[in-house]
């Protein structure tokens, strides 16, 4: 696998997640420390959750400061250029979707490093890594996690993890990883473009898969 491209993709995901956390922190009127903390939690929370679950100590996010520094830099930049950042909604969504695919692949790969790892473990760790940071962000700001309310987000991660599991050991590692990324990215983008969501339930009323016009 091309290490340079792989590293770039990781940082795209980290930065997009950090921007998401920063925008939420600004919306919730947190102070500077709170906003930066939320950005870091959003960007690195999924990987930390995964490593704790599989017994990886210290978590990879704490082994090097670069991911943390990238998260902080993204948060500060977003604060300074807030008005410009919120205009880049589509770019942020695309970057966040790349991050979802990358984090899912990282989680699946980490699970497969455990002897005897089965499909359920691989899918679970891919999912935890992919959506864990977003869930942490929403819990910290007292919101129902976004992944539980809108869009086919977790399903995209699960599908990517499944592809990773099925291809692992049968094709080159780069093909396995990029296939996971491609499947996750495609499902997520299609769901956003066509505004596809799971049905929601409210006192007997069932809302449709597609957002009402």
C-alpha atoms as a PDB file:
ATOM      1  CA  UNK A   1       0.000   0.000   0.000  1.00  0.00           C
ATOM      2  CA  UNK A   2       1.236   3.476  -0.865  1.00  0.00           C
ATOM      3  CA  UNK A   3       2.173   4.843   2.546  1.00  0.00           C
ATOM      4  CA  UNK A   4       1.982   8.477   1.439  1.00  0.00           C
ATOM      5  CA  UNK A   5      -1.556   8.177   0.036  1.00  0.00           C
ATOM      6  CA  UNK A   6      -2.648   6.156   3.064  1.00  0.00           C
ATOM      7  CA  UNK A   7      -1.286   8.798   5.446  1.00  0.00           C
ATOM      8  CA  UNK A   8      -2.966  11.598   3.489  1.00  0.00           C
ATOM      9  CA  UNK A   9      -6.305   9.800   3.676  1.00  0.00           C
ATOM     10  CA  UNK A  10      -5.948   9.357   7.433  1.00  0.00           C
ATOM     11  CA  UNK A  11      -5.284  13.061   7.912  1.00  0.00           C
ATOM     12  CA  UNK A  12      -8.216  13.981   5.667  1.00  0.00           C
ATOM     13  CA  UNK A  13     -10.466  11.937   7.938  1.00  0.00           C
ATOM     14  CA  UNK A  14      -8.963  13.365  11.122  1.00  0.00           C
ATOM     15  CA  UNK A  15      -9.252  16.954   9.919  1.00  0.00           C
ATOM     16  CA  UNK A  16     -12.830  16.507   8.671  1.00  0.00           C
ATOM     17  CA  UNK A  17     -13.869  14.959  11.989  1.00  0.00           C
ATOM     18  CA  UNK A  18     -12.128  17.711  13.933  1.00  0.00           C
ATOM     19  CA  UNK A  19     -13.907  20.367  11.866  1.00  0.00           C
ATOM     20  CA  UNK A  20     -17.217  18.660  12.606  1.00  0.00           C
ATOM     21  CA  UNK A  21     -16.475  18.685  16.323  1.00  0.00           C
ATOM     22  CA  UNK A  22     -15.393  22.323  16.177  1.00  0.00           C
ATOM     23  CA  UNK A  23     -18.562  23.445  14.396  1.00  0.00           C
ATOM     24  CA  UNK A  24     -20.653  21.632  16.986  1.00  0.00           C
ATOM     25  CA  UNK A  25     -18.658  23.240  19.799  1.00  0.00           C
ATOM     26  CA  UNK A  26     -19.173  26.715  18.330  1.00  0.00           C
ATOM     27  CA  UNK A  27     -22.889  26.037  17.906  1.00  0.00           C
ATOM     28  CA  UNK A  28     -23.091  24.966  21.561  1.00  0.00           C
ATOM     29  CA  UNK A  29     -21.187  28.115  22.608  1.00  0.00           C
ATOM     30  CA  UNK A  30     -18.318  26.251  24.296  1.00  0.00           C
ATOM     31  CA  UNK A  31     -15.161  28.077  25.293  1.00  0.00           C
ATOM     32  CA  UNK A  32     -11.858  27.601  23.440  1.00  0.00           C
ATOM     33  CA  UNK A  33     -10.757  24.644  25.553  1.00  0.00           C
ATOM     34  CA  UNK A  34     -14.152  22.998  25.176  1.00  0.00           C
ATOM     35  CA  UNK A  35     -14.184  23.434  21.401  1.00  0.00           C
ATOM     36  CA  UNK A  36     -10.683  22.030  20.953  1.00  0.00           C
ATOM     37  CA  UNK A  37     -11.428  19.120  23.303  1.00  0.00           C
ATOM     38  CA  UNK A  38     -14.582  18.310  21.363  1.00  0.00           C
ATOM     39  CA  UNK A  39     -12.665  18.441  18.072  1.00  0.00           C
ATOM     40  CA  UNK A  40     -10.046  16.019  19.382  1.00  0.00           C
ATOM     41  CA  UNK A  41     -12.691  13.690  20.824  1.00  0.00           C
ATOM     42  CA  UNK A  42     -14.518  13.622  17.494  1.00  0.00           C
ATOM     43  CA  UNK A  43     -11.370  13.003  15.477  1.00  0.00           C
ATOM     44  CA  UNK A  44      -9.690  10.414  17.703  1.00  0.00           C
ATOM     45  CA  UNK A  45     -12.482   9.041  19.880  1.00  0.00           C
ATOM     46  CA  UNK A  46     -13.376   6.129  17.623  1.00  0.00           C
ATOM     47  CA  UNK A  47      -9.816   4.827  17.501  1.00  0.00           C
ATOM     48  CA  UNK A  48      -9.415   5.166  21.252  1.00  0.00           C
ATOM     49  CA  UNK A  49     -12.667   3.265  21.873  1.00  0.00           C
ATOM     50  CA  UNK A  50     -11.508   0.522  19.503  1.00  0.00           C
ATOM     51  CA  UNK A  51      -8.100   0.165  21.144  1.00  0.00           C
ATOM     52  CA  UNK A  52      -9.602  -0.007  24.632  1.00  0.00           C
ATOM     53  CA  UNK A  53     -12.007  -2.724  23.480  1.00  0.00           C
ATOM     54  CA  UNK A  54      -9.289  -4.870  21.896  1.00  0.00           C
ATOM     55  CA  UNK A  55      -6.782  -4.304  24.705  1.00  0.00           C
ATOM     56  CA  UNK A  56      -4.332  -2.101  22.813  1.00  0.00           C
ATOM     57  CA  UNK A  57      -2.519   0.007  25.419  1.00  0.00           C
ATOM     58  CA  UNK A  58      -1.708   2.747  25.098  1.00  0.00           C
ATOM     59  CA  UNK A  59      -4.202   3.528  22.343  1.00  0.00           C
ATOM     60  CA  UNK A  60      -2.532   4.323  19.021  1.00  0.00           C
ATOM     61  CA  UNK A  61      -3.782   7.927  19.214  1.00  0.00           C
ATOM     62  CA  UNK A  62      -1.541   8.446  22.268  1.00  0.00           C
ATOM     63  CA  UNK A  63       1.552   6.846  20.733  1.00  0.00           C
ATOM     64  CA  UNK A  64       2.333   9.890  18.617  1.00  0.00           C
ATOM     65  CA  UNK A  65       1.277  13.539  18.981  1.00  0.00           C
ATOM     66  CA  UNK A  66       0.764  14.182  15.268  1.00  0.00           C
ATOM     67  CA  UNK A  67      -2.893  13.141  15.032  1.00  0.00           C
ATOM     68  CA  UNK A  68      -3.653  15.184  18.130  1.00  0.00           C
ATOM     69  CA  UNK A  69      -1.822  18.202  16.754  1.00  0.00           C
ATOM     70  CA  UNK A  70      -3.650  17.883  13.424  1.00  0.00           C
ATOM     71  CA  UNK A  71      -6.959  17.878  15.299  1.00  0.00           C
ATOM     72  CA  UNK A  72      -6.010  20.965  17.308  1.00  0.00           C
ATOM     73  CA  UNK A  73      -4.768  22.773  14.194  1.00  0.00           C
ATOM     74  CA  UNK A  74      -8.011  21.968  12.369  1.00  0.00           C
ATOM     75  CA  UNK A  75     -10.028  23.282  15.322  1.00  0.00           C
ATOM     76  CA  UNK A  76      -8.098  26.557  15.562  1.00  0.00           C
ATOM     77  CA  UNK A  77      -8.256  27.093  11.794  1.00  0.00           C
ATOM     78  CA  UNK A  78     -12.000  26.464  11.779  1.00  0.00           C
ATOM     79  CA  UNK A  79     -12.513  28.981  14.578  1.00  0.00           C
ATOM     80  CA  UNK A  80     -10.429  31.629  12.805  1.00  0.00           C
ATOM     81  CA  UNK A  81     -12.114  31.115   9.449  1.00  0.00           C
ATOM     82  CA  UNK A  82     -15.543  30.090  10.679  1.00  0.00           C
ATOM     83  CA  UNK A  83     -17.566  31.979   8.065  1.00  0.00           C
ATOM     84  CA  UNK A  84     -15.536  30.474   5.239  1.00  0.00           C
ATOM     85  CA  UNK A  85     -15.670  26.997   6.744  1.00  0.00           C
ATOM     86  CA  UNK A  86     -19.449  26.781   6.971  1.00  0.00           C
ATOM     87  CA  UNK A  87     -19.650  27.533   3.246  1.00  0.00           C
ATOM     88  CA  UNK A  88     -17.692  24.350   2.529  1.00  0.00           C
ATOM     89  CA  UNK A  89     -20.503  22.036   3.631  1.00  0.00           C
ATOM     90  CA  UNK A  90     -20.223  19.673   0.672  1.00  0.00           C
ATOM     91  CA  UNK A  91     -16.439  19.502   0.931  1.00  0.00           C
ATOM     92  CA  UNK A  92     -16.691  18.678   4.623  1.00  0.00           C
ATOM     93  CA  UNK A  93     -19.247  15.938   3.925  1.00  0.00           C
ATOM     94  CA  UNK A  94     -17.014  14.368   1.276  1.00  0.00           C
ATOM     95  CA  UNK A  95     -13.956  14.576   3.535  1.00  0.00           C
ATOM     96  CA  UNK A  96     -15.922  13.160   6.458  1.00  0.00           C
ATOM     97  CA  UNK A  97     -17.078  10.294   4.259  1.00  0.00           C
ATOM     98  CA  UNK A  98     -13.507   9.542   3.241  1.00  0.00           C
ATOM     99  CA  UNK A  99     -12.659   9.547   6.934  1.00  0.00           C
ATOM    100  CA  UNK A 100     -15.481   7.116   7.672  1.00  0.00           C
ATOM    101  CA  UNK A 101     -14.099   4.695   5.102  1.00  0.00           C
ATOM    102  CA  UNK A 102     -10.515   5.105   6.302  1.00  0.00           C
ATOM    103  CA  UNK A 103     -11.407   4.689   9.978  1.00  0.00           C
ATOM    104  CA  UNK A 104     -13.569   1.662   9.184  1.00  0.00           C
ATOM    105  CA  UNK A 105     -10.638   0.075   7.375  1.00  0.00           C
ATOM    106  CA  UNK A 106      -8.277   0.856  10.243  1.00  0.00           C
ATOM    107  CA  UNK A 107     -10.690  -0.662  12.750  1.00  0.00           C
ATOM    108  CA  UNK A 108     -11.211  -3.790  10.662  1.00  0.00           C
ATOM    109  CA  UNK A 109      -7.465  -4.206  10.188  1.00  0.00           C
ATOM    110  CA  UNK A 110      -6.827  -3.802  13.919  1.00  0.00           C
ATOM    111  CA  UNK A 111      -9.421  -6.492  14.677  1.00  0.00           C
ATOM    112  CA  UNK A 112      -7.869  -8.879  12.163  1.00  0.00           C
ATOM    113  CA  UNK A 113      -4.540  -8.601  13.991  1.00  0.00           C
ATOM    114  CA  UNK A 114      -6.163 -10.546  16.835  1.00  0.00           C
ATOM    115  CA  UNK A 115      -5.702 -14.330  16.386  1.00  0.00           C
ATOM    116  CA  UNK A 116      -8.966 -16.049  15.508  1.00  0.00           C
ATOM    117  CA  UNK A 117     -10.842 -12.816  14.868  1.00  0.00           C
ATOM    118  CA  UNK A 118     -14.238 -13.512  13.309  1.00  0.00           C
ATOM    119  CA  UNK A 119     -16.524 -11.441  11.147  1.00  0.00           C
ATOM    120  CA  UNK A 120     -18.512  -9.998  14.052  1.00  0.00           C
ATOM    121  CA  UNK A 121     -15.390  -8.659  15.754  1.00  0.00           C
ATOM    122  CA  UNK A 122     -14.085  -7.176  12.508  1.00  0.00           C
ATOM    123  CA  UNK A 123     -17.379  -5.449  11.708  1.00  0.00           C
ATOM    124  CA  UNK A 124     -17.771  -4.236  15.288  1.00  0.00           C
ATOM    125  CA  UNK A 125     -14.297  -2.718  15.483  1.00  0.00           C
ATOM    126  CA  UNK A 126     -14.648  -1.167  12.043  1.00  0.00           C
ATOM    127  CA  UNK A 127     -17.941   0.369  13.121  1.00  0.00           C
ATOM    128  CA  UNK A 128     -16.625   1.529  16.502  1.00  0.00           C
ATOM    129  CA  UNK A 129     -13.683   3.254  14.851  1.00  0.00           C
ATOM    130  CA  UNK A 130     -15.819   4.773  12.112  1.00  0.00           C
ATOM    131  CA  UNK A 131     -18.617   6.241  14.217  1.00  0.00           C
ATOM    132  CA  UNK A 132     -17.235   6.284  17.758  1.00  0.00           C
ATOM    133  CA  UNK A 133     -15.890   9.828  17.550  1.00  0.00           C
ATOM    134  CA  UNK A 134     -19.182  11.228  16.308  1.00  0.00           C
ATOM    135  CA  UNK A 135     -21.079   9.472  19.069  1.00  0.00           C
ATOM    136  CA  UNK A 136     -18.644  10.844  21.669  1.00  0.00           C
ATOM    137  CA  UNK A 137     -19.111  14.358  20.237  1.00  0.00           C
ATOM    138  CA  UNK A 138     -22.885  14.172  20.509  1.00  0.00           C
ATOM    139  CA  UNK A 139     -22.886  12.632  23.981  1.00  0.00           C
ATOM    140  CA  UNK A 140     -20.532  15.346  25.266  1.00  0.00           C
ATOM    141  CA  UNK A 141     -22.910  18.013  23.947  1.00  0.00           C
ATOM    142  CA  UNK A 142     -26.033  16.253  25.291  1.00  0.00           C
ATOM    143  CA  UNK A 143     -27.431  15.356  21.880  1.00  0.00           C
ATOM    144  CA  UNK A 144     -28.905  12.102  20.644  1.00  0.00           C
ATOM    145  CA  UNK A 145     -26.037  10.754  18.499  1.00  0.00           C
ATOM    146  CA  UNK A 146     -26.468  11.871  14.893  1.00  0.00           C
ATOM    147  CA  UNK A 147     -25.907   8.316  13.670  1.00  0.00           C
ATOM    148  CA  UNK A 148     -29.065   7.244  15.539  1.00  0.00           C
ATOM    149  CA  UNK A 149     -31.219   9.946  13.961  1.00  0.00           C
ATOM    150  CA  UNK A 150     -30.290  10.550  10.340  1.00  0.00           C
ATOM    151  CA  UNK A 151     -28.681   9.076   7.249  1.00  0.00           C
ATOM    152  CA  UNK A 152     -27.364   5.624   6.426  1.00  0.00           C
ATOM    153  CA  UNK A 153     -24.046   6.224   8.195  1.00  0.00           C
ATOM    154  CA  UNK A 154     -23.425   3.160  10.320  1.00  0.00           C
ATOM    155  CA  UNK A 155     -24.645   0.829   7.568  1.00  0.00           C
ATOM    156  CA  UNK A 156     -22.034   2.254   5.202  1.00  0.00           C
ATOM    157  CA  UNK A 157     -19.348   1.451   7.784  1.00  0.00           C
ATOM    158  CA  UNK A 158     -20.677  -2.055   8.346  1.00  0.00           C
ATOM    159  CA  UNK A 159     -20.714  -2.720   4.597  1.00  0.00           C
ATOM    160  CA  UNK A 160     -17.146  -1.487   4.283  1.00  0.00           C
ATOM    161  CA  UNK A 161     -16.038  -3.676   7.169  1.00  0.00           C
ATOM    162  CA  UNK A 162     -17.730  -6.672   5.585  1.00  0.00           C
ATOM    163  CA  UNK A 163     -15.853  -6.115   2.328  1.00  0.00           C
ATOM    164  CA  UNK A 164     -12.602  -5.782   4.266  1.00  0.00           C
ATOM    165  CA  UNK A 165     -13.219  -9.073   6.063  1.00  0.00           C
ATOM    166  CA  UNK A 166     -14.177 -10.949   2.895  1.00  0.00           C
ATOM    167  CA  UNK A 167     -11.183  -9.736   0.876  1.00  0.00           C
ATOM    168  CA  UNK A 168      -8.534  -9.991   3.584  1.00  0.00           C
ATOM    169  CA  UNK A 169      -5.911 -12.575   2.682  1.00  0.00           C
ATOM    170  CA  UNK A 170      -7.273 -13.102  -0.822  1.00  0.00           C
ATOM    171  CA  UNK A 171      -6.047  -9.925  -2.515  1.00  0.00           C
ATOM    172  CA  UNK A 172      -3.237  -7.434  -1.800  1.00  0.00           C
ATOM    173  CA  UNK A 173      -3.702  -5.341   1.327  1.00  0.00           C
ATOM    174  CA  UNK A 174      -4.036  -2.167  -0.735  1.00  0.00           C
ATOM    175  CA  UNK A 175      -6.932  -3.654  -2.712  1.00  0.00           C
ATOM    176  CA  UNK A 176      -8.633  -4.734   0.504  1.00  0.00           C
ATOM    177  CA  UNK A 177      -8.309  -1.291   2.072  1.00  0.00           C
ATOM    178  CA  UNK A 178      -9.362   0.712  -0.961  1.00  0.00           C
ATOM    179  CA  UNK A 179     -12.301  -1.609  -1.608  1.00  0.00           C
ATOM    180  CA  UNK A 180     -13.490  -0.977   1.951  1.00  0.00           C
ATOM    181  CA  UNK A 181     -13.067   2.765   1.415  1.00  0.00           C
ATOM    182  CA  UNK A 182     -14.873   2.683  -1.944  1.00  0.00           C
ATOM    183  CA  UNK A 183     -17.890   0.744  -0.643  1.00  0.00           C
ATOM    184  CA  UNK A 184     -18.236   2.893   2.472  1.00  0.00           C
ATOM    185  CA  UNK A 185     -17.825   6.098   0.489  1.00  0.00           C
ATOM    186  CA  UNK A 186     -20.312   5.100  -2.215  1.00  0.00           C
ATOM    187  CA  UNK A 187     -23.088   4.068   0.168  1.00  0.00           C
ATOM    188  CA  UNK A 188     -22.668   7.172   2.291  1.00  0.00           C
ATOM    189  CA  UNK A 189     -22.588   9.583  -0.674  1.00  0.00           C
ATOM    190  CA  UNK A 190     -25.642   7.995  -2.289  1.00  0.00           C
ATOM    191  CA  UNK A 191     -27.579   8.230   0.978  1.00  0.00           C
ATOM    192  CA  UNK A 192     -26.672  11.911   1.371  1.00  0.00           C
ATOM    193  CA  UNK A 193     -27.354  12.809  -2.263  1.00  0.00           C
ATOM    194  CA  UNK A 194     -30.758  11.143  -2.323  1.00  0.00           C
ATOM    195  CA  UNK A 195     -31.485  12.054   1.321  1.00  0.00           C
ATOM    196  CA  UNK A 196     -32.040   8.420   2.243  1.00  0.00           C
ATOM    197  CA  UNK A 197     -32.621   7.729   5.937  1.00  0.00           C
ATOM    198  CA  UNK A 198     -33.921   4.832   7.945  1.00  0.00           C
ATOM    199  CA  UNK A 199     -37.585   5.132   8.926  1.00  0.00           C
ATOM    200  CA  UNK A 200     -38.168   6.910  12.229  1.00  0.00           C
ATOM    201  CA  UNK A 201     -41.006   6.212  14.620  1.00  0.00           C
ATOM    202  CA  UNK A 202     -43.032   8.728  16.578  1.00  0.00           C
ATOM    203  CA  UNK A 203     -46.078   7.572  18.541  1.00  0.00           C
ATOM    204  CA  UNK A 204     -47.292   5.220  15.893  1.00  0.00           C
ATOM    205  CA  UNK A 205     -46.276   7.444  12.981  1.00  0.00           C
ATOM    206  CA  UNK A 206     -43.665   5.995  10.653  1.00  0.00           C
ATOM    207  CA  UNK A 207     -41.605   8.490   8.687  1.00  0.00           C
ATOM    208  CA  UNK A 208     -40.370   7.377   5.277  1.00  0.00           C
ATOM    209  CA  UNK A 209     -36.872   6.428   4.177  1.00  0.00           C
ATOM    210  CA  UNK A 210     -36.515   9.620   2.186  1.00  0.00           C
ATOM    211  CA  UNK A 211     -36.591  13.052   3.744  1.00  0.00           C
ATOM    212  CA  UNK A 212     -39.808  14.863   3.039  1.00  0.00           C
ATOM    213  CA  UNK A 213     -39.556  17.665   0.479  1.00  0.00           C
END
